[in-house]
Amino acid sequence: MIIKRLTPVLWTEDIEETIIFYTKILGFTCQEQNQEWQWASLNKDGIEIMIAKPNDHTPYRNIGFTGSFYFEVETVETLWEELKDKTRVAYELELFEWNMKEFAIYDNNGYLLQFGEEQ
């Protein structure tokens, strides 16, 4: 098996609000949106995230994910300064023993987004 790409599909009950969060707060671009499918594709620096309303193919109770999405970034301190007052913070900027300086926020749906830079 050859895996060519991994693209998360995040469920949301409000596509427009999620597009605004990812484009206005995190700087993604909405590459494509289909109202009929209740779906959109967001991109930034070669990273793609899809968002969609839950559909009949998968049992659905509520929005949620038991893990986090980890973004390795450049200039994590600058990003922290840009985001800390615009988002709900999970944990503040910290240097961890594994030599990563990182912080975490929640998106508008409650998904945990971590941002780190190797030191």
PDB file of N, CA and C in Angstrom:
ATOM      1  N   MET A   1       0.841  -1.174   0.000  1.00  0.00           N
ATOM      2  CA  MET A   1       0.000   0.000   0.000  1.00  0.00           C
ATOM      3  C   MET A   1       0.887   1.238   0.000  1.00  0.00           C
ATOM      4  N   ILE A   2       0.527   2.198  -0.821  1.00  0.00           N
ATOM      5  CA  ILE A   2       1.193   3.499  -0.864  1.00  0.00           C
ATOM      6  C   ILE A   2       0.161   4.544  -0.472  1.00  0.00           C
ATOM      7  N   ILE A   3       0.467   5.291   0.565  1.00  0.00           N
ATOM      8  CA  ILE A   3      -0.424   6.367   0.991  1.00  0.00           C
ATOM      9  C   ILE A   3       0.080   7.660   0.367  1.00  0.00           C
ATOM     10  N   LYS A   4      -0.775   8.319  -0.364  1.00  0.00           N
ATOM     11  CA  LYS A   4      -0.376   9.520  -1.078  1.00  0.00           C
ATOM     12  C   LYS A   4      -0.637  10.808  -0.306  1.00  0.00           C
ATOM     13  N   ARG A   5      -1.622  10.763   0.594  1.00  0.00           N
ATOM     14  CA  ARG A   5      -1.965  11.994   1.303  1.00  0.00           C
ATOM     15  C   ARG A   5      -2.960  11.656   2.409  1.00  0.00           C
ATOM     16  N   LEU A   6      -2.965  12.438   3.465  1.00  0.00           N
ATOM     17  CA  LEU A   6      -3.968  12.340   4.513  1.00  0.00           C
ATOM     18  C   LEU A   6      -4.660  13.694   4.609  1.00  0.00           C
ATOM     19  N   THR A   7      -5.967  13.695   4.442  1.00  0.00           N
ATOM     20  CA  THR A   7      -6.732  14.931   4.519  1.00  0.00           C
ATOM     21  C   THR A   7      -7.841  14.766   5.549  1.00  0.00           C
ATOM     22  N   PRO A   8      -7.733  15.423   6.691  1.00  0.00           N
ATOM     23  CA  PRO A   8      -8.804  15.314   7.679  1.00  0.00           C
ATOM     24  C   PRO A   8     -10.088  15.951   7.163  1.00  0.00           C
ATOM     25  N   VAL A   9     -11.203  15.337   7.505  1.00  0.00           N
ATOM     26  CA  VAL A   9     -12.524  15.907   7.238  1.00  0.00           C
ATOM     27  C   VAL A   9     -13.142  16.188   8.599  1.00  0.00           C
ATOM     28  N   LEU A  10     -13.294  17.457   8.910  1.00  0.00           N
ATOM     29  CA  LEU A  10     -13.848  17.861  10.200  1.00  0.00           C
ATOM     30  C   LEU A  10     -15.339  18.108  10.058  1.00  0.00           C
ATOM     31  N   TRP A  11     -16.115  17.465  10.911  1.00  0.00           N
ATOM     32  CA  TRP A  11     -17.547  17.704  10.906  1.00  0.00           C
ATOM     33  C   TRP A  11     -17.854  18.992  11.641  1.00  0.00           C
ATOM     34  N   THR A  12     -18.824  19.694  11.135  1.00  0.00           N
ATOM     35  CA  THR A  12     -19.277  20.928  11.759  1.00  0.00           C
ATOM     36  C   THR A  12     -20.773  21.065  11.538  1.00  0.00           C
ATOM     37  N   GLU A  13     -21.427  21.715  12.452  1.00  0.00           N
ATOM     38  CA  GLU A  13     -22.839  22.002  12.254  1.00  0.00           C
ATOM     39  C   GLU A  13     -23.035  23.367  11.614  1.00  0.00           C
ATOM     40  N   ASP A  14     -21.952  24.166  11.521  1.00  0.00           N
ATOM     41  CA  ASP A  14     -22.035  25.490  10.908  1.00  0.00           C
ATOM     42  C   ASP A  14     -20.834  25.684   9.982  1.00  0.00           C
ATOM     43  N   ILE A  15     -21.043  25.366   8.721  1.00  0.00           N
ATOM     44  CA  ILE A  15     -19.945  25.443   7.748  1.00  0.00           C
ATOM     45  C   ILE A  15     -19.428  26.874   7.614  1.00  0.00           C
ATOM     46  N   GLU A  16     -20.320  27.845   7.527  1.00  0.00           N
ATOM     47  CA  GLU A  16     -19.887  29.237   7.329  1.00  0.00           C
ATOM     48  C   GLU A  16     -19.031  29.715   8.506  1.00  0.00           C
ATOM     49  N   GLU A  17     -19.452  29.425   9.715  1.00  0.00           N
ATOM     50  CA  GLU A  17     -18.688  29.825  10.902  1.00  0.00           C
ATOM     51  C   GLU A  17     -17.307  29.162  10.905  1.00  0.00           C
ATOM     52  N   THR A  18     -17.250  27.904  10.488  1.00  0.00           N
ATOM     53  CA  THR A  18     -15.969  27.183  10.459  1.00  0.00           C
ATOM     54  C   THR A  18     -15.062  27.743   9.368  1.00  0.00           C
ATOM     55  N   ILE A  19     -15.626  28.070   8.217  1.00  0.00           N
ATOM     56  CA  ILE A  19     -14.824  28.702   7.162  1.00  0.00           C
ATOM     57  C   ILE A  19     -14.257  30.022   7.668  1.00  0.00           C
ATOM     58  N   ILE A  20     -15.054  30.805   8.336  1.00  0.00           N
ATOM     59  CA  ILE A  20     -14.580  32.092   8.869  1.00  0.00           C
ATOM     60  C   ILE A  20     -13.453  31.876   9.877  1.00  0.00           C
ATOM     61  N   PHE A  21     -13.598  30.903  10.793  1.00  0.00           N
ATOM     62  CA  PHE A  21     -12.540  30.646  11.774  1.00  0.00           C
ATOM     63  C   PHE A  21     -11.223  30.307  11.077  1.00  0.00           C
ATOM     64  N   TYR A  22     -11.269  29.351  10.158  1.00  0.00           N
ATOM     65  CA  TYR A  22     -10.031  28.891   9.532  1.00  0.00           C
ATOM     66  C   TYR A  22      -9.436  29.907   8.559  1.00  0.00           C
ATOM     67  N   THR A  23     -10.266  30.717   7.910  1.00  0.00           N
ATOM     68  CA  THR A  23      -9.722  31.705   6.976  1.00  0.00           C
ATOM     69  C   THR A  23      -9.313  32.993   7.677  1.00  0.00           C
ATOM     70  N   LYS A  24     -10.161  33.521   8.532  1.00  0.00           N
ATOM     71  CA  LYS A  24      -9.865  34.816   9.178  1.00  0.00           C
ATOM     72  C   LYS A  24      -8.897  34.692  10.346  1.00  0.00           C
ATOM     73  N   ILE A  25      -8.986  33.614  11.127  1.00  0.00           N
ATOM     74  CA  ILE A  25      -8.130  33.463  12.309  1.00  0.00           C
ATOM     75  C   ILE A  25      -6.817  32.754  11.965  1.00  0.00           C
ATOM     76  N   LEU A  26      -6.900  31.648  11.192  1.00  0.00           N
ATOM     77  CA  LEU A  26      -5.698  30.852  10.919  1.00  0.00           C
ATOM     78  C   LEU A  26      -5.080  31.092   9.547  1.00  0.00           C
ATOM     79  N   GLY A  27      -5.727  31.868   8.692  1.00  0.00           N
ATOM     80  CA  GLY A  27      -5.125  32.228   7.407  1.00  0.00           C
ATOM     81  C   GLY A  27      -5.265  31.196   6.305  1.00  0.00           C
ATOM     82  N   PHE A  28      -6.170  30.229   6.462  1.00  0.00           N
ATOM     83  CA  PHE A  28      -6.431  29.276   5.384  1.00  0.00           C
ATOM     84  C   PHE A  28      -7.202  29.977   4.266  1.00  0.00           C
ATOM     85  N   THR A  29      -7.229  29.370   3.097  1.00  0.00           N
ATOM     86  CA  THR A  29      -8.017  29.830   1.967  1.00  0.00           C
ATOM     87  C   THR A  29      -9.097  28.792   1.689  1.00  0.00           C
ATOM     88  N   CYS A  30     -10.300  29.266   1.437  1.00  0.00           N
ATOM     89  CA  CYS A  30     -11.370  28.347   1.045  1.00  0.00           C
ATOM     90  C   CYS A  30     -11.230  28.113  -0.450  1.00  0.00           C
ATOM     91  N   GLN A  31     -10.732  26.942  -0.821  1.00  0.00           N
ATOM     92  CA  GLN A  31     -10.473  26.613  -2.218  1.00  0.00           C
ATOM     93  C   GLN A  31     -11.744  26.236  -2.969  1.00  0.00           C
ATOM     94  N   GLU A  32     -12.661  25.583  -2.264  1.00  0.00           N
ATOM     95  CA  GLU A  32     -13.870  25.115  -2.916  1.00  0.00           C
ATOM     96  C   GLU A  32     -14.946  24.937  -1.857  1.00  0.00           C
ATOM     97  N   GLN A  33     -16.175  25.258  -2.237  1.00  0.00           N
ATOM     98  CA  GLN A  33     -17.309  25.062  -1.341  1.00  0.00           C
ATOM     99  C   GLN A  33     -18.500  24.608  -2.167  1.00  0.00           C
ATOM    100  N   ASN A  34     -19.236  23.633  -1.649  1.00  0.00           N
ATOM    101  CA  ASN A  34     -20.419  23.137  -2.333  1.00  0.00           C
ATOM    102  C   ASN A  34     -21.577  23.161  -1.336  1.00  0.00           C
ATOM    103  N   GLN A  35     -22.502  24.079  -1.549  1.00  0.00           N
ATOM    104  CA  GLN A  35     -23.644  24.241  -0.642  1.00  0.00           C
ATOM    105  C   GLN A  35     -24.517  22.993  -0.625  1.00  0.00           C
ATOM    106  N   GLU A  36     -24.730  22.390  -1.791  1.00  0.00           N
ATOM    107  CA  GLU A  36     -25.588  21.207  -1.880  1.00  0.00           C
ATOM    108  C   GLU A  36     -25.022  20.047  -1.059  1.00  0.00           C
ATOM    109  N   TRP A  37     -23.710  19.846  -1.145  1.00  0.00           N
ATOM    110  CA  TRP A  37     -23.053  18.759  -0.406  1.00  0.00           C
ATOM    111  C   TRP A  37     -22.796  19.135   1.052  1.00  0.00           C
ATOM    112  N   GLN A  38     -22.917  20.444   1.383  1.00  0.00           N
ATOM    113  CA  GLN A  38     -22.587  20.958   2.705  1.00  0.00           C
ATOM    114  C   GLN A  38     -21.142  20.603   3.062  1.00  0.00           C
ATOM    115  N   TRP A  39     -20.236  21.045   2.196  1.00  0.00           N
ATOM    116  CA  TRP A  39     -18.825  20.653   2.244  1.00  0.00           C
ATOM    117  C   TRP A  39     -17.960  21.809   1.755  1.00  0.00           C
ATOM    118  N   ALA A  40     -16.723  21.879   2.257  1.00  0.00           N
ATOM    119  CA  ALA A  40     -15.744  22.856   1.777  1.00  0.00           C
ATOM    120  C   ALA A  40     -14.336  22.299   1.942  1.00  0.00           C
ATOM    121  N   SER A  41     -13.426  22.811   1.124  1.00  0.00           N
ATOM    122  CA  SER A  41     -12.017  22.438   1.192  1.00  0.00           C
ATOM    123  C   SER A  41     -11.210  23.686   1.518  1.00  0.00           C
ATOM    124  N   LEU A  42     -10.374  23.594   2.563  1.00  0.00           N
ATOM    125  CA  LEU A  42      -9.547  24.702   3.024  1.00  0.00           C
ATOM    126  C   LEU A  42      -8.078  24.339   2.869  1.00  0.00           C
ATOM    127  N   ASN A  43      -7.255  25.314   2.484  1.00  0.00           N
ATOM    128  CA  ASN A  43      -5.833  25.057   2.253  1.00  0.00           C
ATOM    129  C   ASN A  43      -4.975  26.166   2.829  1.00  0.00           C
ATOM    130  N   LYS A  44      -3.783  25.768   3.278  1.00  0.00           N
ATOM    131  CA  LYS A  44      -2.754  26.728   3.708  1.00  0.00           C
ATOM    132  C   LYS A  44      -1.403  26.026   3.646  1.00  0.00           C
ATOM    133  N   ASP A  45      -0.473  26.617   2.913  1.00  0.00           N
ATOM    134  CA  ASP A  45       0.900  26.116   2.848  1.00  0.00           C
ATOM    135  C   ASP A  45       0.971  24.628   2.514  1.00  0.00           C
ATOM    136  N   GLY A  46       0.123  24.166   1.598  1.00  0.00           N
ATOM    137  CA  GLY A  46       0.146  22.768   1.180  1.00  0.00           C
ATOM    138  C   GLY A  46      -0.630  21.828   2.091  1.00  0.00           C
ATOM    139  N   ILE A  47      -1.241  22.354   3.152  1.00  0.00           N
ATOM    140  CA  ILE A  47      -2.051  21.551   4.073  1.00  0.00           C
ATOM    141  C   ILE A  47      -3.514  21.713   3.666  1.00  0.00           C
ATOM    142  N   GLU A  48      -4.232  20.596   3.559  1.00  0.00           N
ATOM    143  CA  GLU A  48      -5.646  20.643   3.209  1.00  0.00           C
ATOM    144  C   GLU A  48      -6.474  20.076   4.359  1.00  0.00           C
ATOM    145  N   ILE A  49      -7.550  20.767   4.667  1.00  0.00           N
ATOM    146  CA  ILE A  49      -8.548  20.305   5.619  1.00  0.00           C
ATOM    147  C   ILE A  49      -9.898  20.441   4.932  1.00  0.00           C
ATOM    148  N   MET A  50     -10.712  19.406   5.009  1.00  0.00           N
ATOM    149  CA  MET A  50     -12.069  19.497   4.503  1.00  0.00           C
ATOM    150  C   MET A  50     -13.009  19.650   5.687  1.00  0.00           C
ATOM    151  N   ILE A  51     -14.089  20.370   5.478  1.00  0.00           N
ATOM    152  CA  ILE A  51     -15.123  20.486   6.500  1.00  0.00           C
ATOM    153  C   ILE A  51     -16.448  20.082   5.874  1.00  0.00           C
ATOM    154  N   ALA A  52     -17.298  19.477   6.673  1.00  0.00           N
ATOM    155  CA  ALA A  52     -18.577  19.003   6.153  1.00  0.00           C
ATOM    156  C   ALA A  52     -19.584  18.893   7.285  1.00  0.00           C
ATOM    157  N   LYS A  53     -20.840  19.026   6.918  1.00  0.00           N
ATOM    158  CA  LYS A  53     -21.901  18.711   7.874  1.00  0.00           C
ATOM    159  C   LYS A  53     -22.000  17.201   7.942  1.00  0.00           C
ATOM    160  N   PRO A  54     -22.328  16.647   9.102  1.00  0.00           N
ATOM    161  CA  PRO A  54     -22.510  15.192   9.210  1.00  0.00           C
ATOM    162  C   PRO A  54     -23.564  14.724   8.205  1.00  0.00           C
ATOM    163  N   ASN A  55     -23.383  13.497   7.710  1.00  0.00           N
ATOM    164  CA  ASN A  55     -24.328  12.973   6.730  1.00  0.00           C
ATOM    165  C   ASN A  55     -24.834  11.599   7.156  1.00  0.00           C
ATOM    166  N   ASP A  56     -25.658  11.010   6.315  1.00  0.00           N
ATOM    167  CA  ASP A  56     -26.308   9.734   6.644  1.00  0.00           C
ATOM    168  C   ASP A  56     -25.381   8.526   6.579  1.00  0.00           C
ATOM    169  N   HIS A  57     -24.151   8.679   6.079  1.00  0.00           N
ATOM    170  CA  HIS A  57     -23.247   7.541   5.911  1.00  0.00           C
ATOM    171  C   HIS A  57     -22.629   7.053   7.220  1.00  0.00           C
ATOM    172  N   THR A  58     -22.581   7.922   8.215  1.00  0.00           N
ATOM    173  CA  THR A  58     -21.926   7.586   9.475  1.00  0.00           C
ATOM    174  C   THR A  58     -22.831   7.977  10.636  1.00  0.00           C
ATOM    175  N   PRO A  59     -22.993   7.109  11.621  1.00  0.00           N
ATOM    176  CA  PRO A  59     -23.790   7.488  12.789  1.00  0.00           C
ATOM    177  C   PRO A  59     -23.218   8.751  13.430  1.00  0.00           C
ATOM    178  N   TYR A  60     -24.093   9.637  13.838  1.00  0.00           N
ATOM    179  CA  TYR A  60     -23.671  10.925  14.378  1.00  0.00           C
ATOM    180  C   TYR A  60     -24.477  11.259  15.624  1.00  0.00           C
ATOM    181  N   ARG A  61     -23.766  11.608  16.685  1.00  0.00           N
ATOM    182  CA  ARG A  61     -24.419  12.089  17.898  1.00  0.00           C
ATOM    183  C   ARG A  61     -24.080  13.547  18.167  1.00  0.00           C
ATOM    184  N   ASN A  62     -22.802  13.883  18.034  1.00  0.00           N
ATOM    185  CA  ASN A  62     -22.382  15.269  18.219  1.00  0.00           C
ATOM    186  C   ASN A  62     -20.981  15.455  17.638  1.00  0.00           C
ATOM    187  N   ILE A  63     -20.595  16.707  17.481  1.00  0.00           N
ATOM    188  CA  ILE A  63     -19.275  17.032  16.962  1.00  0.00           C
ATOM    189  C   ILE A  63     -18.250  16.642  18.018  1.00  0.00           C
ATOM    190  N   GLY A  64     -17.149  16.021  17.598  1.00  0.00           N
ATOM    191  CA  GLY A  64     -16.117  15.664  18.555  1.00  0.00           C
ATOM    192  C   GLY A  64     -15.013  14.838  17.930  1.00  0.00           C
ATOM    193  N   PHE A  65     -13.890  14.816  18.590  1.00  0.00           N
ATOM    194  CA  PHE A  65     -12.716  14.077  18.147  1.00  0.00           C
ATOM    195  C   PHE A  65     -11.901  13.818  19.396  1.00  0.00           C
ATOM    196  N   THR A  66     -11.422  12.595  19.591  1.00  0.00           N
ATOM    197  CA  THR A  66     -10.747  12.267  20.842  1.00  0.00           C
ATOM    198  C   THR A  66      -9.254  12.545  20.830  1.00  0.00           C
ATOM    199  N   GLY A  67      -8.759  13.141  19.770  1.00  0.00           N
ATOM    200  CA  GLY A  67      -7.337  13.466  19.688  1.00  0.00           C
ATOM    201  C   GLY A  67      -7.153  14.945  19.441  1.00  0.00           C
ATOM    202  N   SER A  68      -6.068  15.272  18.770  1.00  0.00           N
ATOM    203  CA  SER A  68      -5.801  16.662  18.414  1.00  0.00           C
ATOM    204  C   SER A  68      -5.189  16.703  17.019  1.00  0.00           C
ATOM    205  N   PHE A  69      -5.173  17.882  16.458  1.00  0.00           N
ATOM    206  CA  PHE A  69      -4.496  18.108  15.183  1.00  0.00           C
ATOM    207  C   PHE A  69      -3.237  18.908  15.498  1.00  0.00           C
ATOM    208  N   TYR A  70      -2.080  18.354  15.139  1.00  0.00           N
ATOM    209  CA  TYR A  70      -0.791  18.950  15.494  1.00  0.00           C
ATOM    210  C   TYR A  70      -0.174  19.553  14.238  1.00  0.00           C
ATOM    211  N   PHE A  71       0.076  20.852  14.285  1.00  0.00           N
ATOM    212  CA  PHE A  71       0.684  21.579  13.179  1.00  0.00           C
ATOM    213  C   PHE A  71       2.109  21.935  13.561  1.00  0.00           C
ATOM    214  N   GLU A  72       3.078  21.481  12.780  1.00  0.00           N
ATOM    215  CA  GLU A  72       4.448  21.943  12.985  1.00  0.00           C
ATOM    216  C   GLU A  72       4.606  23.219  12.174  1.00  0.00           C
ATOM    217  N   VAL A  73       5.047  24.277  12.837  1.00  0.00           N
ATOM    218  CA  VAL A  73       5.084  25.599  12.220  1.00  0.00           C
ATOM    219  C   VAL A  73       6.459  26.240  12.376  1.00  0.00           C
ATOM    220  N   GLU A  74       6.661  27.306  11.647  1.00  0.00           N
ATOM    221  CA  GLU A  74       7.815  28.176  11.845  1.00  0.00           C
ATOM    222  C   GLU A  74       7.335  29.361  12.677  1.00  0.00           C
ATOM    223  N   THR A  75       8.206  29.930  13.457  1.00  0.00           N
ATOM    224  CA  THR A  75       7.927  31.102  14.305  1.00  0.00           C
ATOM    225  C   THR A  75       6.691  30.920  15.177  1.00  0.00           C
ATOM    226  N   VAL A  76       6.727  29.879  16.009  1.00  0.00           N
ATOM    227  CA  VAL A  76       5.594  29.566  16.878  1.00  0.00           C
ATOM    228  C   VAL A  76       5.303  30.706  17.859  1.00  0.00           C
ATOM    229  N   GLU A  77       6.316  31.423  18.287  1.00  0.00           N
ATOM    230  CA  GLU A  77       6.104  32.532  19.228  1.00  0.00           C
ATOM    231  C   GLU A  77       5.278  33.643  18.586  1.00  0.00           C
ATOM    232  N   THR A  78       5.560  33.948  17.321  1.00  0.00           N
ATOM    233  CA  THR A  78       4.788  34.963  16.599  1.00  0.00           C
ATOM    234  C   THR A  78       3.350  34.512  16.426  1.00  0.00           C
ATOM    235  N   LEU A  79       3.161  33.252  16.070  1.00  0.00           N
ATOM    236  CA  LEU A  79       1.818  32.716  15.910  1.00  0.00           C
ATOM    237  C   LEU A  79       1.056  32.761  17.227  1.00  0.00           C
ATOM    238  N   TRP A  80       1.721  32.410  18.321  1.00  0.00           N
ATOM    239  CA  TRP A  80       1.105  32.481  19.642  1.00  0.00           C
ATOM    240  C   TRP A  80       0.593  33.897  19.918  1.00  0.00           C
ATOM    241  N   GLU A  81       1.422  34.898  19.652  1.00  0.00           N
ATOM    242  CA  GLU A  81       1.024  36.292  19.884  1.00  0.00           C
ATOM    243  C   GLU A  81      -0.180  36.675  19.029  1.00  0.00           C
ATOM    244  N   GLU A  82      -0.258  36.136  17.817  1.00  0.00           N
ATOM    245  CA  GLU A  82      -1.380  36.439  16.923  1.00  0.00           C
ATOM    246  C   GLU A  82      -2.680  35.784  17.380  1.00  0.00           C
ATOM    247  N   LEU A  83      -2.605  34.592  17.967  1.00  0.00           N
ATOM    248  CA  LEU A  83      -3.806  33.805  18.245  1.00  0.00           C
ATOM    249  C   LEU A  83      -4.302  33.834  19.686  1.00  0.00           C
ATOM    250  N   LYS A  84      -3.442  34.136  20.638  1.00  0.00           N
ATOM    251  CA  LYS A  84      -3.790  33.944  22.051  1.00  0.00           C
ATOM    252  C   LYS A  84      -5.006  34.745  22.504  1.00  0.00           C
ATOM    253  N   ASP A  85      -5.240  35.901  21.923  1.00  0.00           N
ATOM    254  CA  ASP A  85      -6.383  36.712  22.331  1.00  0.00           C
ATOM    255  C   ASP A  85      -7.587  36.568  21.402  1.00  0.00           C
ATOM    256  N   LYS A  86      -7.438  35.800  20.321  1.00  0.00           N
ATOM    257  CA  LYS A  86      -8.523  35.628  19.341  1.00  0.00           C
ATOM    258  C   LYS A  86      -9.224  34.286  19.468  1.00  0.00           C
ATOM    259  N   THR A  87      -8.682  33.388  20.283  1.00  0.00           N
ATOM    260  CA  THR A  87      -9.189  32.019  20.346  1.00  0.00           C
ATOM    261  C   THR A  87      -9.308  31.567  21.791  1.00  0.00           C
ATOM    262  N   ARG A  88      -9.925  30.415  21.970  1.00  0.00           N
ATOM    263  CA  ARG A  88      -9.988  29.799  23.302  1.00  0.00           C
ATOM    264  C   ARG A  88      -8.727  28.953  23.461  1.00  0.00           C
ATOM    265  N   VAL A  89      -7.901  29.281  24.430  1.00  0.00           N
ATOM    266  CA  VAL A  89      -6.599  28.644  24.632  1.00  0.00           C
ATOM    267  C   VAL A  89      -6.762  27.374  25.472  1.00  0.00           C
ATOM    268  N   ALA A  90      -6.143  26.282  25.002  1.00  0.00           N
ATOM    269  CA  ALA A  90      -6.109  25.031  25.769  1.00  0.00           C
ATOM    270  C   ALA A  90      -4.912  25.043  26.714  1.00  0.00           C
ATOM    271  N   TYR A  91      -3.745  25.404  26.181  1.00  0.00           N
ATOM    272  CA  TYR A  91      -2.571  25.639  27.022  1.00  0.00           C
ATOM    273  C   TYR A  91      -1.673  26.654  26.344  1.00  0.00           C
ATOM    274  N   GLU A  92      -0.992  27.446  27.168  1.00  0.00           N
ATOM    275  CA  GLU A  92      -0.165  28.538  26.677  1.00  0.00           C
ATOM    276  C   GLU A  92       1.165  28.037  26.120  1.00  0.00           C
ATOM    277  N   LEU A  93       1.868  28.932  25.453  1.00  0.00           N
ATOM    278  CA  LEU A  93       3.169  28.628  24.863  1.00  0.00           C
ATOM    279  C   LEU A  93       4.119  28.096  25.925  1.00  0.00           C
ATOM    280  N   GLU A  94       4.729  26.960  25.627  1.00  0.00           N
ATOM    281  CA  GLU A  94       5.596  26.287  26.598  1.00  0.00           C
ATOM    282  C   GLU A  94       6.674  25.504  25.850  1.00  0.00           C
ATOM    283  N   LEU A  95       7.861  25.442  26.442  1.00  0.00           N
ATOM    284  CA  LEU A  95       8.939  24.605  25.902  1.00  0.00           C
ATOM    285  C   LEU A  95       8.909  23.284  26.647  1.00  0.00           C
ATOM    286  N   PHE A  96       8.706  22.198  25.894  1.00  0.00           N
ATOM    287  CA  PHE A  96       8.600  20.880  26.500  1.00  0.00           C
ATOM    288  C   PHE A  96       9.941  20.146  26.460  1.00  0.00           C
ATOM    289  N   GLU A  97      10.071  19.130  27.307  1.00  0.00           N
ATOM    290  CA  GLU A  97      11.337  18.393  27.430  1.00  0.00           C
ATOM    291  C   GLU A  97      11.728  17.681  26.142  1.00  0.00           C
ATOM    292  N   TRP A  98      10.790  17.455  25.235  1.00  0.00           N
ATOM    293  CA  TRP A  98      11.114  16.804  23.961  1.00  0.00           C
ATOM    294  C   TRP A  98      11.557  17.826  22.910  1.00  0.00           C
ATOM    295  N   ASN A  99      11.875  19.048  23.392  1.00  0.00           N
ATOM    296  CA  ASN A  99      12.484  20.091  22.584  1.00  0.00           C
ATOM    297  C   ASN A  99      11.524  20.723  21.578  1.00  0.00           C
ATOM    298  N   MET A 100      10.248  20.738  21.918  1.00  0.00           N
ATOM    299  CA  MET A 100       9.259  21.428  21.096  1.00  0.00           C
ATOM    300  C   MET A 100       8.662  22.564  21.911  1.00  0.00           C
ATOM    301  N   LYS A 101       8.629  23.747  21.314  1.00  0.00           N
ATOM    302  CA  LYS A 101       7.923  24.875  21.906  1.00  0.00           C
ATOM    303  C   LYS A 101       6.555  24.878  21.248  1.00  0.00           C
ATOM    304  N   GLU A 102       5.500  24.821  22.072  1.00  0.00           N
ATOM    305  CA  GLU A 102       4.172  24.667  21.501  1.00  0.00           C
ATOM    306  C   GLU A 102       3.088  25.272  22.377  1.00  0.00           C
ATOM    307  N   PHE A 103       1.918  25.424  21.775  1.00  0.00           N
ATOM    308  CA  PHE A 103       0.709  25.854  22.472  1.00  0.00           C
ATOM    309  C   PHE A 103      -0.474  25.184  21.785  1.00  0.00           C
ATOM    310  N   ALA A 104      -1.638  25.286  22.415  1.00  0.00           N
ATOM    311  CA  ALA A 104      -2.828  24.675  21.825  1.00  0.00           C
ATOM    312  C   ALA A 104      -4.039  25.577  22.023  1.00  0.00           C
ATOM    313  N   ILE A 105      -4.908  25.565  21.014  1.00  0.00           N
ATOM    314  CA  ILE A 105      -6.163  26.309  21.045  1.00  0.00           C
ATOM    315  C   ILE A 105      -7.290  25.379  20.614  1.00  0.00           C
ATOM    316  N   TYR A 106      -8.517  25.847  20.791  1.00  0.00           N
ATOM    317  CA  TYR A 106      -9.687  25.135  20.281  1.00  0.00           C
ATOM    318  C   TYR A 106     -10.251  25.914  19.104  1.00  0.00           C
ATOM    319  N   ASP A 107     -10.692  25.194  18.069  1.00  0.00           N
ATOM    320  CA  ASP A 107     -11.374  25.889  16.992  1.00  0.00           C
ATOM    321  C   ASP A 107     -12.824  26.147  17.390  1.00  0.00           C
ATOM    322  N   ASN A 108     -13.608  26.717  16.502  1.00  0.00           N
ATOM    323  CA  ASN A 108     -14.987  27.075  16.821  1.00  0.00           C
ATOM    324  C   ASN A 108     -15.884  25.874  17.093  1.00  0.00           C
ATOM    325  N   ASN A 109     -15.449  24.668  16.706  1.00  0.00           N
ATOM    326  CA  ASN A 109     -16.220  23.449  16.950  1.00  0.00           C
ATOM    327  C   ASN A 109     -15.760  22.706  18.199  1.00  0.00           C
ATOM    328  N   GLY A 110     -14.653  23.147  18.782  1.00  0.00           N
ATOM    329  CA  GLY A 110     -14.106  22.472  19.951  1.00  0.00           C
ATOM    330  C   GLY A 110     -12.977  21.509  19.634  1.00  0.00           C
ATOM    331  N   TYR A 111     -12.553  21.424  18.363  1.00  0.00           N
ATOM    332  CA  TYR A 111     -11.408  20.577  18.020  1.00  0.00           C
ATOM    333  C   TYR A 111     -10.137  21.193  18.596  1.00  0.00           C
ATOM    334  N   LEU A 112      -9.258  20.346  19.127  1.00  0.00           N
ATOM    335  CA  LEU A 112      -8.006  20.805  19.711  1.00  0.00           C
ATOM    336  C   LEU A 112      -6.952  20.928  18.618  1.00  0.00           C
ATOM    337  N   LEU A 113      -6.381  22.126  18.480  1.00  0.00           N
ATOM    338  CA  LEU A 113      -5.341  22.403  17.493  1.00  0.00           C
ATOM    339  C   LEU A 113      -4.064  22.757  18.232  1.00  0.00           C
ATOM    340  N   GLN A 114      -3.007  21.966  18.022  1.00  0.00           N
ATOM    341  CA  GLN A 114      -1.719  22.230  18.654  1.00  0.00           C
ATOM    342  C   GLN A 114      -0.752  22.765  17.606  1.00  0.00           C
ATOM    343  N   PHE A 115       0.085  23.712  18.015  1.00  0.00           N
ATOM    344  CA  PHE A 115       1.067  24.308  17.130  1.00  0.00           C
ATOM    345  C   PHE A 115       2.424  24.223  17.799  1.00  0.00           C
ATOM    346  N   GLY A 116       3.421  23.664  17.108  1.00  0.00           N
ATOM    347  CA  GLY A 116       4.734  23.500  17.708  1.00  0.00           C
ATOM    348  C   GLY A 116       5.866  23.785  16.747  1.00  0.00           C
ATOM    349  N   GLU A 117       7.009  24.146  17.330  1.00  0.00           N
ATOM    350  CA  GLU A 117       8.229  24.388  16.575  1.00  0.00           C
ATOM    351  C   GLU A 117       9.387  23.731  17.316  1.00  0.00           C
ATOM    352  N   GLU A 118      10.180  22.968  16.597  1.00  0.00           N
ATOM    353  CA  GLU A 118      11.344  22.329  17.201  1.00  0.00           C
ATOM    354  C   GLU A 118      12.355  23.398  17.567  1.00  0.00           C
ATOM    355  N   GLN A 119      12.951  23.254  18.748  1.00  0.00           N
ATOM    356  CA  GLN A 119      13.907  24.258  19.252  1.00  0.00           C
ATOM    357  C   GLN A 119      15.333  23.780  19.089  1.00  0.00           C
TER     358      GLN A 119
END
